[in-house]
Amino acid sequence: MSIILIMLLVVVTIVLALTPGIGILALIPLAVALLVGVWIALTFSARTTPARVVRRTRRAELLGPGGPDDPDRHN
């Protein structure tokens, strides 16, 4: 899916670059395509599955009665 997105952005870049008068606008989809490519490369190089990231997430400490800011918490 991401390869299709990158290819679509490259095609839009080429079309805008070849259109007289708006060639400078070709930099926008080109920059987006490069950012998506870098994001995908970083994702693959991390070698971490989404499930592993979720398992490593710490539980939230909610404020309120009995929370970390409650002075009577341990009474």
C-alpha atoms as a PDB file:
ATOM      1  CA  MET A   1       0.000   0.000   0.000  1.00  0.00           C
ATOM      2  CA  SER A   2       2.765   2.442   0.869  1.00  0.00           C
ATOM      3  CA  ILE A   3       4.595   1.674  -2.388  1.00  0.00           C
ATOM      4  CA  ILE A   4       1.456   2.672  -4.289  1.00  0.00           C
ATOM      5  CA  LEU A   5       1.331   5.951  -2.346  1.00  0.00           C
ATOM      6  CA  ILE A   6       4.971   6.730  -3.115  1.00  0.00           C
ATOM      7  CA  MET A   7       4.529   5.898  -6.806  1.00  0.00           C
ATOM      8  CA  LEU A   8       1.408   8.090  -6.993  1.00  0.00           C
ATOM      9  CA  LEU A   9       3.293  10.996  -5.431  1.00  0.00           C
ATOM     10  CA  VAL A  10       6.174  10.517  -7.872  1.00  0.00           C
ATOM     11  CA  VAL A  11       3.750  10.559 -10.831  1.00  0.00           C
ATOM     12  CA  VAL A  12       2.124  13.751  -9.502  1.00  0.00           C
ATOM     13  CA  THR A  13       5.596  15.258  -9.117  1.00  0.00           C
ATOM     14  CA  ILE A  14       6.483  14.447 -12.724  1.00  0.00           C
ATOM     15  CA  VAL A  15       3.199  15.841 -14.042  1.00  0.00           C
ATOM     16  CA  LEU A  16       3.594  19.064 -12.069  1.00  0.00           C
ATOM     17  CA  ALA A  17       7.238  19.414 -13.088  1.00  0.00           C
ATOM     18  CA  LEU A  18       6.318  19.161 -16.760  1.00  0.00           C
ATOM     19  CA  THR A  19       3.407  21.609 -16.554  1.00  0.00           C
ATOM     20  CA  PRO A  20       4.544  25.096 -17.639  1.00  0.00           C
ATOM     21  CA  GLY A  21       4.293  27.722 -14.944  1.00  0.00           C
ATOM     22  CA  ILE A  22       3.760  25.467 -11.905  1.00  0.00           C
ATOM     23  CA  GLY A  23       6.933  23.426 -11.875  1.00  0.00           C
ATOM     24  CA  ILE A  24       7.873  24.696  -8.422  1.00  0.00           C
ATOM     25  CA  LEU A  25       4.776  22.997  -6.993  1.00  0.00           C
ATOM     26  CA  ALA A  26       6.378  19.666  -7.882  1.00  0.00           C
ATOM     27  CA  LEU A  27       8.538  20.038  -4.778  1.00  0.00           C
ATOM     28  CA  ILE A  28       5.570  19.476  -2.449  1.00  0.00           C
ATOM     29  CA  PRO A  29       4.605  15.923  -3.516  1.00  0.00           C
ATOM     30  CA  LEU A  30       8.280  15.086  -3.955  1.00  0.00           C
ATOM     31  CA  ALA A  31       8.988  16.105  -0.361  1.00  0.00           C
ATOM     32  CA  VAL A  32       5.993  14.082   0.856  1.00  0.00           C
ATOM     33  CA  ALA A  33       7.160  11.039  -1.126  1.00  0.00           C
ATOM     34  CA  LEU A  34      10.635  11.327   0.392  1.00  0.00           C
ATOM     35  CA  LEU A  35       9.226  11.652   3.911  1.00  0.00           C
ATOM     36  CA  VAL A  36       6.989   8.611   3.426  1.00  0.00           C
ATOM     37  CA  GLY A  37       9.958   6.637   2.105  1.00  0.00           C
ATOM     38  CA  VAL A  38      12.103   7.589   5.088  1.00  0.00           C
ATOM     39  CA  TRP A  39       9.258   6.722   7.464  1.00  0.00           C
ATOM     40  CA  ILE A  40       8.873   3.278   5.880  1.00  0.00           C
ATOM     41  CA  ALA A  41      12.633   2.673   6.009  1.00  0.00           C
ATOM     42  CA  LEU A  42      12.750   3.609   9.698  1.00  0.00           C
ATOM     43  CA  THR A  43       9.783   1.366  10.420  1.00  0.00           C
ATOM     44  CA  PHE A  44      11.426  -1.630   8.788  1.00  0.00           C
ATOM     45  CA  SER A  45      14.784  -0.956  10.412  1.00  0.00           C
ATOM     46  CA  ALA A  46      13.286  -0.794  13.934  1.00  0.00           C
ATOM     47  CA  ARG A  47      12.402  -4.519  13.828  1.00  0.00           C
ATOM     48  CA  THR A  48       9.659  -3.949  16.376  1.00  0.00           C
ATOM     49  CA  THR A  49       6.162  -5.262  15.856  1.00  0.00           C
ATOM     50  CA  PRO A  50       3.150  -3.130  16.800  1.00  0.00           C
ATOM     51  CA  ALA A  51       2.172  -5.740  19.409  1.00  0.00           C
ATOM     52  CA  ARG A  52       5.584  -5.437  21.098  1.00  0.00           C
ATOM     53  CA  VAL A  53       5.231  -1.659  21.284  1.00  0.00           C
ATOM     54  CA  VAL A  54       1.819  -2.023  22.928  1.00  0.00           C
ATOM     55  CA  ARG A  55       3.155  -4.538  25.461  1.00  0.00           C
ATOM     56  CA  ARG A  56       5.984  -2.180  26.472  1.00  0.00           C
ATOM     57  CA  THR A  57       3.619   0.751  27.092  1.00  0.00           C
ATOM     58  CA  ARG A  58       3.380   1.711  30.758  1.00  0.00           C
ATOM     59  CA  ARG A  59      -0.021   1.913  32.409  1.00  0.00           C
ATOM     60  CA  ALA A  60      -1.282   5.417  33.048  1.00  0.00           C
ATOM     61  CA  GLU A  61      -1.486   6.739  36.587  1.00  0.00           C
ATOM     62  CA  LEU A  62      -4.799   8.531  36.728  1.00  0.00           C
ATOM     63  CA  LEU A  63      -5.300  11.510  38.989  1.00  0.00           C
ATOM     64  CA  GLY A  64      -8.151  11.649  41.486  1.00  0.00           C
ATOM     65  CA  PRO A  65      -9.110   9.760  44.646  1.00  0.00           C
ATOM     66  CA  GLY A  66      -6.426   7.178  45.340  1.00  0.00           C
ATOM     67  CA  GLY A  67      -4.193   8.542  42.591  1.00  0.00           C
ATOM     68  CA  PRO A  68      -0.547   9.631  42.883  1.00  0.00           C
ATOM     69  CA  ASP A  69      -1.560  13.151  43.943  1.00  0.00           C
ATOM     70  CA  ASP A  70      -3.954  12.038  46.720  1.00  0.00           C
ATOM     71  CA  PRO A  71      -2.471  12.856  50.190  1.00  0.00           C
ATOM     72  CA  ASP A  72      -4.718  10.202  51.857  1.00  0.00           C
ATOM     73  CA  ARG A  73      -3.728   7.476  49.405  1.00  0.00           C
ATOM     74  CA  HIS A  74      -1.883   5.239  51.887  1.00  0.00           C
ATOM     75  CA  ASN A  75      -4.166   5.730  54.897  1.00  0.00           C
END
